[in-house]
Amino acid sequence: MTRESNLEVTKNRIYLPTSELYRSSTNKTGSGIVPAFNNLYDVWIDFGSTVSQGGKSLLNFINQHDFYENKATENPGNYLALFCSEAVLPGSQIQTSQVDGLRQGVSSSYAVYRRFPEVVLTYYSQKDYFTNEVFNAWMEYISPTTISSGGHGSSTRQRISDTGAYKKLNYPLSYKCNIQITAFSGDVLSESSRLKPINRSSARISNSITYHLIRAFPINIVAAPLAYGDAELIKTAVTFKYDYYYTDRTSRSFDTDVIVRSDTGKNVRNPF
């Protein structure tokens, strides 16, 4: 690169004190230089994305616990999304191998596998312990207790009281679900519309990024401690394995045409 091109690149850079990054008014030009915060997110588990096995599904197995009026079709993930207290944006890792040059004296590394680390999601428990029931049922479905009649029974009490019960792992696709973890910003109105009455046609789609975890399933439920003393909220941390993930962007800060259309009721945006 020539000296002239170096000067051109330097001239086009943005210079801003770090302390100014936290001020939303800094982002007047739509340049996307305001940092993201970690307390705006959504986690959704799609229990309907599994494959039925032998006419039985994970969704029906979980909904045996009579939490819903229409328990056969309700997705527990819709309710769990309200109580996810902590989540992470998943990472990625490249596993490498190495070749040593015997005569050249140079070691060369190359990619072998791509690894996807485990993800830990933490949920608040409810008074009826719905969260605990869902994840315990999910783990039970992975390694279910089959009673003498060949079924799984209608309750845990029925399964443990059957003297002829046995364990047999289910097929992986029957217990693996897709999970969506979305981080987004709180700016849903343009700067010129913030002091005006809220109009749906002027509301922007929040800047966000969604991680789609494909074929995820729980491998560990961390024990929740109980103790006398000051009352605290009970949390349940669950560790998940998954096959892979991909990301999806619903909006970017410079998409000035990204608004919520009131005539169609759908989010409309131009591709980038």
Protein backbone atom coordinates (compact mmCIF):
# COMPACT_ATOMS: atom_id res chain seq x y z
CA MET A 1 0.00 0.00 0.00
CA THR A 2 1.40 3.40 -0.99
CA ARG A 3 1.84 6.33 1.35
CA GLU A 4 -0.97 8.22 -0.42
CA SER A 5 -3.42 5.35 0.08
CA ASN A 6 -2.42 5.09 3.74
CA LEU A 7 -3.23 8.75 4.22
CA GLU A 8 -6.59 8.27 2.49
CA VAL A 9 -7.55 5.40 4.82
CA THR A 10 -6.50 7.42 7.88
CA LYS A 11 -8.50 10.42 6.70
CA ASN A 12 -11.71 8.33 6.45
CA ARG A 13 -11.46 6.89 9.95
CA ILE A 14 -13.83 7.98 12.73
CA TYR A 15 -12.20 9.51 15.81
CA LEU A 16 -14.29 9.59 18.99
CA PRO A 17 -13.47 9.48 22.72
CA THR A 18 -14.38 6.13 24.27
CA SER A 19 -16.58 7.85 26.86
CA GLU A 20 -18.81 9.14 24.06
CA LEU A 21 -19.66 5.66 22.80
CA TYR A 22 -22.30 5.18 25.51
CA ARG A 23 -24.28 8.23 24.43
CA SER A 24 -27.07 7.33 22.02
CA SER A 25 -27.02 10.88 20.63
CA THR A 26 -23.61 10.08 19.14
CA ASN A 27 -25.26 7.86 16.55
CA LYS A 28 -26.89 10.72 14.64
CA THR A 29 -25.42 9.72 11.30
CA GLY A 30 -26.54 6.09 11.54
CA SER A 31 -22.95 4.90 11.53
CA GLY A 32 -23.60 2.19 14.13
CA ILE A 33 -20.85 3.27 16.53
CA VAL A 34 -22.94 2.99 19.70
CA PRO A 35 -22.02 -0.27 21.54
CA ALA A 36 -24.58 -2.95 22.30
CA PHE A 37 -25.71 -3.72 25.84
CA ASN A 38 -26.17 -7.16 27.34
CA ASN A 39 -29.56 -6.79 29.06
CA LEU A 40 -31.80 -6.84 25.98
CA TYR A 41 -32.25 -10.34 24.61
CA ASP A 42 -34.73 -13.11 23.92
CA VAL A 43 -34.36 -16.90 24.11
CA TRP A 44 -36.86 -19.23 22.47
CA ILE A 45 -36.83 -23.03 22.41
CA ASP A 46 -38.88 -24.57 19.59
CA PHE A 47 -40.08 -27.86 21.06
CA GLY A 48 -42.08 -28.44 17.90
CA SER A 49 -38.93 -28.83 15.77
CA THR A 50 -38.30 -32.43 16.87
CA VAL A 51 -39.14 -35.58 14.93
CA SER A 52 -41.82 -37.88 16.36
CA GLN A 53 -40.75 -41.39 17.22
CA GLY A 54 -43.23 -44.24 17.34
CA GLY A 55 -46.15 -41.82 17.26
CA LYS A 56 -44.80 -40.01 20.35
CA SER A 57 -43.12 -36.62 20.50
CA LEU A 58 -41.11 -34.59 22.99
CA LEU A 59 -43.83 -31.92 22.96
CA ASN A 60 -46.54 -34.36 24.00
CA PHE A 61 -44.29 -35.92 26.62
CA ILE A 62 -43.59 -32.58 28.31
CA ASN A 63 -47.21 -31.46 28.12
CA GLN A 64 -48.34 -34.52 30.08
CA HIS A 65 -47.82 -32.41 33.20
CA ASP A 66 -51.15 -30.59 32.67
CA PHE A 67 -49.86 -27.03 32.59
CA TYR A 68 -52.08 -26.03 29.67
CA GLU A 69 -55.72 -26.33 28.75
CA ASN A 70 -54.75 -27.43 25.24
CA LYS A 71 -51.75 -29.46 26.33
CA ALA A 72 -51.34 -31.44 23.10
CA THR A 73 -50.28 -28.50 20.92
CA GLU A 74 -48.99 -25.74 23.24
CA ASN A 75 -45.26 -25.01 22.93
CA PRO A 76 -43.62 -24.70 26.39
CA GLY A 77 -40.88 -22.57 24.82
CA ASN A 78 -43.31 -19.65 24.51
CA TYR A 79 -43.70 -19.56 28.29
CA LEU A 80 -40.06 -20.31 29.11
CA ALA A 81 -38.98 -17.27 27.08
CA LEU A 82 -40.32 -15.01 29.84
CA PHE A 83 -38.02 -16.44 32.51
CA CYS A 84 -34.56 -16.75 30.95
CA SER A 85 -32.46 -14.70 33.38
CA GLU A 86 -29.06 -15.28 31.77
CA ALA A 87 -27.98 -16.32 28.29
CA VAL A 88 -24.85 -16.26 26.15
CA LEU A 89 -24.14 -15.65 22.50
CA PRO A 90 -22.44 -18.91 21.46
CA GLY A 91 -18.82 -18.95 20.40
CA SER A 92 -16.92 -20.97 17.82
CA GLN A 93 -13.57 -22.70 17.75
CA ILE A 94 -11.32 -24.06 15.03
CA GLN A 95 -9.34 -27.16 15.97
CA THR A 96 -5.99 -27.26 14.22
CA SER A 97 -3.24 -29.70 13.45
CA GLN A 98 0.41 -28.98 12.76
CA VAL A 99 3.01 -30.08 10.23
CA ASP A 100 6.68 -29.49 10.99
CA GLY A 101 9.03 -28.87 8.12
CA LEU A 102 12.06 -31.08 8.77
CA ARG A 103 14.46 -29.26 6.45
CA GLN A 104 12.83 -25.84 6.20
CA GLY A 105 12.58 -25.43 9.98
CA VAL A 106 9.04 -23.97 9.70
CA SER A 107 5.93 -25.28 11.45
CA SER A 108 2.65 -24.89 9.56
CA SER A 109 -0.83 -25.12 11.14
CA TYR A 110 -4.06 -25.88 9.31
CA ALA A 111 -7.74 -26.22 10.22
CA VAL A 112 -9.13 -29.71 10.93
CA TYR A 113 -12.50 -29.33 12.66
CA ARG A 114 -14.82 -26.54 13.68
CA ARG A 115 -16.09 -26.90 17.24
CA PHE A 116 -19.15 -25.30 18.82
CA PRO A 117 -18.77 -24.86 22.60
CA GLU A 118 -21.58 -25.69 24.99
CA VAL A 119 -24.16 -23.04 25.86
CA VAL A 120 -25.51 -22.43 29.37
CA LEU A 121 -28.97 -20.88 29.81
CA THR A 122 -30.25 -19.87 33.25
CA TYR A 123 -33.96 -19.72 34.06
CA TYR A 124 -36.00 -18.46 36.98
CA SER A 125 -38.21 -21.06 38.63
CA GLN A 126 -41.91 -20.33 39.17
CA LYS A 127 -44.18 -21.08 42.11
CA ASP A 128 -45.46 -24.15 40.28
CA TYR A 129 -41.86 -25.07 39.28
CA PHE A 130 -42.79 -25.12 35.62
CA THR A 131 -39.17 -24.56 34.50
CA ASN A 132 -37.92 -27.51 36.53
CA GLU A 133 -40.70 -29.72 35.21
CA VAL A 134 -39.96 -28.90 31.57
CA PHE A 135 -36.22 -29.55 31.68
CA ASN A 136 -36.55 -32.62 33.90
CA ALA A 137 -39.13 -34.01 31.46
CA TRP A 138 -36.81 -33.22 28.54
CA MET A 139 -33.99 -35.17 30.18
CA GLU A 140 -36.39 -38.00 30.98
CA TYR A 141 -37.48 -38.14 27.33
CA ILE A 142 -33.85 -38.48 26.18
CA SER A 143 -33.44 -41.51 28.44
CA PRO A 144 -37.06 -42.49 29.18
CA THR A 145 -38.32 -45.04 31.62
CA THR A 146 -40.44 -47.52 29.67
CA ILE A 147 -43.02 -49.41 31.70
CA SER A 148 -44.16 -53.00 31.22
CA SER A 149 -46.89 -52.06 28.75
CA GLY A 150 -44.32 -50.56 26.39
CA GLY A 151 -45.34 -46.95 26.97
CA HIS A 152 -43.90 -44.18 29.12
CA GLY A 153 -46.85 -43.89 31.46
CA SER A 154 -48.84 -40.75 32.21
CA SER A 155 -46.83 -39.59 35.24
CA THR A 156 -43.48 -39.99 36.97
CA ARG A 157 -45.15 -41.82 39.85
CA GLN A 158 -46.52 -44.45 37.48
CA ARG A 159 -43.10 -44.99 35.89
CA ILE A 160 -41.18 -45.49 39.13
CA SER A 161 -43.82 -47.78 40.62
CA ASP A 162 -43.68 -50.26 37.74
CA THR A 163 -41.37 -53.12 38.71
CA GLY A 164 -40.83 -54.11 35.07
CA ALA A 165 -39.70 -50.66 33.91
CA TYR A 166 -36.45 -50.24 31.98
CA LYS A 167 -34.36 -47.52 30.30
CA LYS A 168 -33.72 -47.12 26.57
CA LEU A 169 -32.34 -44.02 24.85
CA ASN A 170 -34.49 -42.34 22.23
CA TYR A 171 -33.36 -41.56 18.68
CA PRO A 172 -31.39 -38.23 18.66
CA LEU A 173 -33.64 -36.37 16.22
CA SER A 174 -36.61 -37.04 18.49
CA TYR A 175 -35.19 -35.02 21.40
CA LYS A 176 -33.08 -32.36 19.64
CA CYS A 177 -34.72 -28.92 19.30
CA ASN A 178 -33.80 -25.67 17.63
CA ILE A 179 -33.04 -22.71 19.91
CA GLN A 180 -32.97 -19.01 18.99
CA ILE A 181 -30.93 -16.53 21.03
CA THR A 182 -31.48 -12.92 19.97
CA ALA A 183 -29.63 -9.85 21.19
CA PHE A 184 -31.23 -6.54 20.24
CA SER A 185 -31.17 -2.83 20.98
CA GLY A 186 -33.91 -0.69 22.47
CA ASP A 187 -34.01 1.89 19.67
CA VAL A 188 -37.31 1.23 17.97
CA LEU A 189 -38.07 4.83 17.02
CA SER A 190 -36.01 7.13 14.85
CA GLU A 191 -34.55 10.22 16.52
CA SER A 192 -37.02 12.54 14.79
CA SER A 193 -40.01 10.48 16.05
CA ARG A 194 -39.07 10.09 19.72
CA LEU A 195 -40.88 13.22 20.92
CA LYS A 196 -44.00 12.60 18.84
CA PRO A 197 -47.02 10.35 19.58
CA ILE A 198 -46.08 6.74 18.84
CA ASN A 199 -47.14 5.75 15.35
CA ARG A 200 -46.80 2.13 14.32
CA SER A 201 -45.85 3.12 10.79
CA SER A 202 -42.79 5.02 12.06
CA ALA A 203 -41.54 2.32 14.46
CA ARG A 204 -38.27 0.78 13.37
CA ILE A 205 -37.27 -2.85 13.78
CA SER A 206 -34.77 -2.99 16.60
CA ASN A 207 -31.18 -3.68 15.55
CA SER A 208 -30.60 -7.31 16.40
CA ILE A 209 -28.68 -10.47 15.71
CA THR A 210 -30.12 -13.97 16.15
CA TYR A 211 -28.11 -17.13 16.74
CA HIS A 212 -29.98 -20.21 15.52
CA LEU A 213 -28.75 -23.25 17.46
CA ILE A 214 -29.59 -26.31 15.37
CA ARG A 215 -30.52 -29.60 17.05
CA ALA A 216 -29.78 -28.64 20.66
CA PHE A 217 -30.50 -30.74 23.75
CA PRO A 218 -29.73 -30.46 27.48
CA ILE A 219 -26.85 -32.45 28.96
CA ASN A 220 -26.68 -31.03 32.48
CA ILE A 221 -29.04 -29.35 34.94
CA VAL A 222 -27.10 -27.54 37.67
CA ALA A 223 -28.43 -28.18 41.17
CA ALA A 224 -30.30 -25.18 42.62
CA PRO A 225 -29.32 -24.63 46.28
CA LEU A 226 -31.96 -24.10 48.96
CA ALA A 227 -31.06 -22.52 52.30
CA TYR A 228 -32.54 -20.67 55.29
CA GLY A 229 -31.95 -16.95 55.47
CA ASP A 230 -32.93 -14.09 53.19
CA ALA A 231 -35.23 -15.21 50.41
CA GLU A 232 -33.74 -15.29 46.93
CA LEU A 233 -35.10 -16.26 43.54
CA ILE A 234 -34.51 -19.88 42.56
CA LYS A 235 -32.57 -20.25 39.32
CA THR A 236 -32.03 -23.32 37.18
CA ALA A 237 -28.96 -23.38 34.91
CA VAL A 238 -29.08 -25.80 31.98
CA THR A 239 -26.13 -26.75 29.75
CA PHE A 240 -26.88 -27.49 26.09
CA LYS A 241 -25.04 -29.30 23.32
CA TYR A 242 -25.91 -28.57 19.69
CA ASP A 243 -24.76 -29.56 16.22
CA TYR A 244 -23.98 -26.10 14.83
CA TYR A 245 -25.37 -22.59 14.60
CA TYR A 246 -25.86 -19.84 12.05
CA THR A 247 -26.60 -16.14 12.52
CA ASP A 248 -29.32 -13.94 11.08
CA ARG A 249 -29.53 -10.17 11.11
CA THR A 250 -33.01 -8.67 11.22
CA SER A 251 -31.84 -5.06 10.91
CA ARG A 252 -28.81 -2.81 10.80
CA SER A 253 -28.47 0.74 12.11
CA PHE A 254 -28.03 2.22 8.61
CA ASP A 255 -31.20 0.63 7.17
CA THR A 256 -33.33 3.79 7.18
CA ASP A 257 -36.21 2.01 5.44
CA VAL A 258 -36.61 -0.66 8.13
CA ILE A 259 -39.99 0.09 9.68
CA VAL A 260 -42.96 -1.88 10.92
CA ARG A 261 -45.64 -1.58 8.26
CA SER A 262 -49.13 -1.16 9.67
CA ASP A 263 -50.86 -2.20 6.44
CA THR A 264 -49.38 -5.71 6.26
CA GLY A 265 -48.53 -6.29 9.90
CA LYS A 266 -45.15 -7.66 8.85
CA ASN A 267 -41.59 -6.41 9.18
CA VAL A 268 -40.40 -5.04 5.84
CA ARG A 269 -36.77 -4.40 4.96
CA ASN A 270 -34.52 -4.29 1.94
CA PRO A 271 -31.81 -6.98 1.72
CA PHE A 272 -28.21 -5.96 2.27
